[in-house]
Amino acid sequence: MTFLPVLSQALAKLILCIQNLAGDDRCCARIDRYLDIVDLRMMAAPIGVGGGEEAARIRQVVAKMEPLTRSILILVVGQKMSVGEVSRRFGMREERVCRHYRAAVCEVAARCYAKGAR
């Protein structure tokens, strides 16, 4: 009977590995489906309406991001999900989620807070 928990864990890891083979388009579609059903009133927008010139610049940068990177930023900032939660819910490796989140933060920082941006 002790074999069952080990088999269960192995199957869970195998399923996660297979899901990780999904391309960015498929992962982004999973996130979009989730965001379509979530109550948007409960979500804190990454950068809401208003906020002046700086917020407008950030919104422009976010709008131009690649879709999966933007979706992960919305989940982490807007939905206040941890990287682990995003990973488990959407079947992505934590490293992949971290890579996209870091890319989003670096892109915002580089384009909005570089010397020439001000």
Protein backbone atom coordinates (compact mmCIF):
# COMPACT_ATOMS: atom_id res chain seq x y z
CA MET A 1 0.00 0.00 0.00
CA THR A 2 2.96 2.38 0.39
CA PHE A 3 3.50 2.11 -3.33
CA LEU A 4 0.35 4.13 -4.11
CA PRO A 5 1.57 7.52 -2.75
CA VAL A 6 4.88 7.15 -4.60
CA LEU A 7 3.06 6.29 -7.82
CA SER A 8 0.70 9.24 -7.31
CA GLN A 9 3.61 11.67 -6.90
CA ALA A 10 5.39 10.23 -9.94
CA LEU A 11 2.24 10.62 -12.06
CA ALA A 12 1.77 14.21 -10.87
CA LYS A 13 5.35 15.04 -11.88
CA LEU A 14 4.89 13.34 -15.24
CA ILE A 15 1.71 15.29 -15.93
CA LEU A 16 3.44 18.56 -15.02
CA CYS A 17 6.35 17.72 -17.33
CA ILE A 18 3.97 16.98 -20.18
CA GLN A 19 2.04 20.19 -19.56
CA ASN A 20 5.32 22.10 -19.56
CA LEU A 21 5.84 21.01 -23.14
CA ALA A 22 2.93 23.29 -24.08
CA GLY A 23 3.95 26.33 -26.04
CA ASP A 24 3.50 29.91 -24.93
CA ASP A 25 0.30 30.22 -26.98
CA ARG A 26 -1.37 27.33 -25.18
CA CYS A 27 -0.29 28.57 -21.73
CA CYS A 28 -1.50 32.06 -22.57
CA ALA A 29 -4.86 30.60 -23.69
CA ARG A 30 -5.18 28.80 -20.32
CA ILE A 31 -4.55 32.05 -18.47
CA ASP A 32 -6.93 33.99 -20.72
CA ARG A 33 -9.71 31.46 -20.04
CA TYR A 34 -9.08 31.85 -16.32
CA LEU A 35 -9.12 35.64 -16.53
CA ASP A 36 -12.37 35.51 -18.52
CA ILE A 37 -14.18 33.72 -15.67
CA VAL A 38 -12.57 35.48 -12.71
CA ASP A 39 -14.48 38.36 -11.17
CA LEU A 40 -12.56 41.33 -12.57
CA ARG A 41 -13.96 43.61 -9.88
CA MET A 42 -11.93 41.62 -7.34
CA MET A 43 -8.74 42.05 -9.33
CA ALA A 44 -6.35 44.88 -8.66
CA ALA A 45 -5.23 46.20 -12.04
CA PRO A 46 -1.44 46.22 -12.44
CA ILE A 47 -1.73 49.89 -13.29
CA GLY A 48 -5.23 51.23 -12.97
CA VAL A 49 -6.79 54.21 -14.67
CA GLY A 50 -5.17 57.48 -13.76
CA GLY A 51 -1.81 57.77 -12.10
CA GLY A 52 -0.45 60.44 -14.37
CA GLU A 53 2.27 60.29 -16.98
CA GLU A 54 4.29 57.55 -15.27
CA ALA A 55 1.30 55.19 -15.07
CA ALA A 56 0.47 55.88 -18.71
CA ARG A 57 4.04 54.96 -19.70
CA ILE A 58 3.80 51.71 -17.70
CA ARG A 59 0.45 50.84 -19.32
CA GLN A 60 2.00 51.35 -22.76
CA VAL A 61 4.92 49.07 -21.94
CA VAL A 62 2.60 46.36 -20.54
CA ALA A 63 0.38 46.57 -23.64
CA LYS A 64 3.39 45.92 -25.91
CA MET A 65 4.70 42.89 -23.96
CA GLU A 66 4.53 39.42 -25.42
CA PRO A 67 1.20 37.83 -24.40
CA LEU A 68 2.44 35.20 -21.93
CA THR A 69 4.72 37.66 -20.16
CA ARG A 70 1.88 40.18 -19.87
CA SER A 71 -0.54 37.48 -18.63
CA ILE A 72 1.86 36.33 -15.92
CA LEU A 73 2.41 39.93 -14.82
CA ILE A 74 -1.37 40.38 -14.55
CA LEU A 75 -1.71 37.20 -12.48
CA VAL A 76 1.12 38.04 -10.09
CA VAL A 77 0.36 41.74 -9.69
CA GLY A 78 -3.37 41.95 -10.44
CA GLN A 79 -4.52 38.64 -8.97
CA LYS A 80 -1.82 38.70 -6.28
CA MET A 81 -0.88 35.08 -7.06
CA SER A 82 2.49 33.73 -6.10
CA VAL A 83 4.76 32.21 -8.71
CA GLY A 84 4.01 28.80 -7.18
CA GLU A 85 0.26 29.34 -7.50
CA VAL A 86 0.58 30.35 -11.16
CA SER A 87 2.78 27.32 -11.77
CA ARG A 88 0.35 24.85 -10.19
CA ARG A 89 -2.84 26.36 -11.58
CA PHE A 90 -1.66 26.61 -15.19
CA GLY A 91 0.69 23.63 -15.36
CA MET A 92 3.90 25.53 -15.93
CA ARG A 93 7.27 25.04 -14.28
CA GLU A 94 8.09 27.65 -11.66
CA GLU A 95 11.29 28.50 -13.51
CA ARG A 96 9.28 29.36 -16.61
CA VAL A 97 6.86 31.54 -14.65
CA CYS A 98 9.78 33.28 -12.91
CA ARG A 99 11.52 33.89 -16.23
CA HIS A 100 8.44 35.60 -17.71
CA TYR A 101 7.75 37.59 -14.54
CA ARG A 102 11.37 38.80 -14.36
CA ALA A 103 11.22 39.72 -18.04
CA ALA A 104 8.06 41.78 -17.43
CA VAL A 105 9.54 43.62 -14.46
CA CYS A 106 12.82 44.25 -16.28
CA GLU A 107 11.00 45.53 -19.36
CA VAL A 108 8.92 47.96 -17.29
CA ALA A 109 12.00 49.11 -15.41
CA ALA A 110 14.10 49.52 -18.55
CA ARG A 111 11.49 51.39 -20.58
CA CYS A 112 9.93 53.48 -17.85
CA TYR A 113 12.71 54.22 -15.42
CA ALA A 114 15.74 54.51 -17.69
CA LYS A 115 17.43 57.91 -17.73
CA GLY A 116 15.98 58.82 -21.13
CA ALA A 117 12.40 57.86 -20.18
CA ARG A 118 11.95 60.72 -17.78
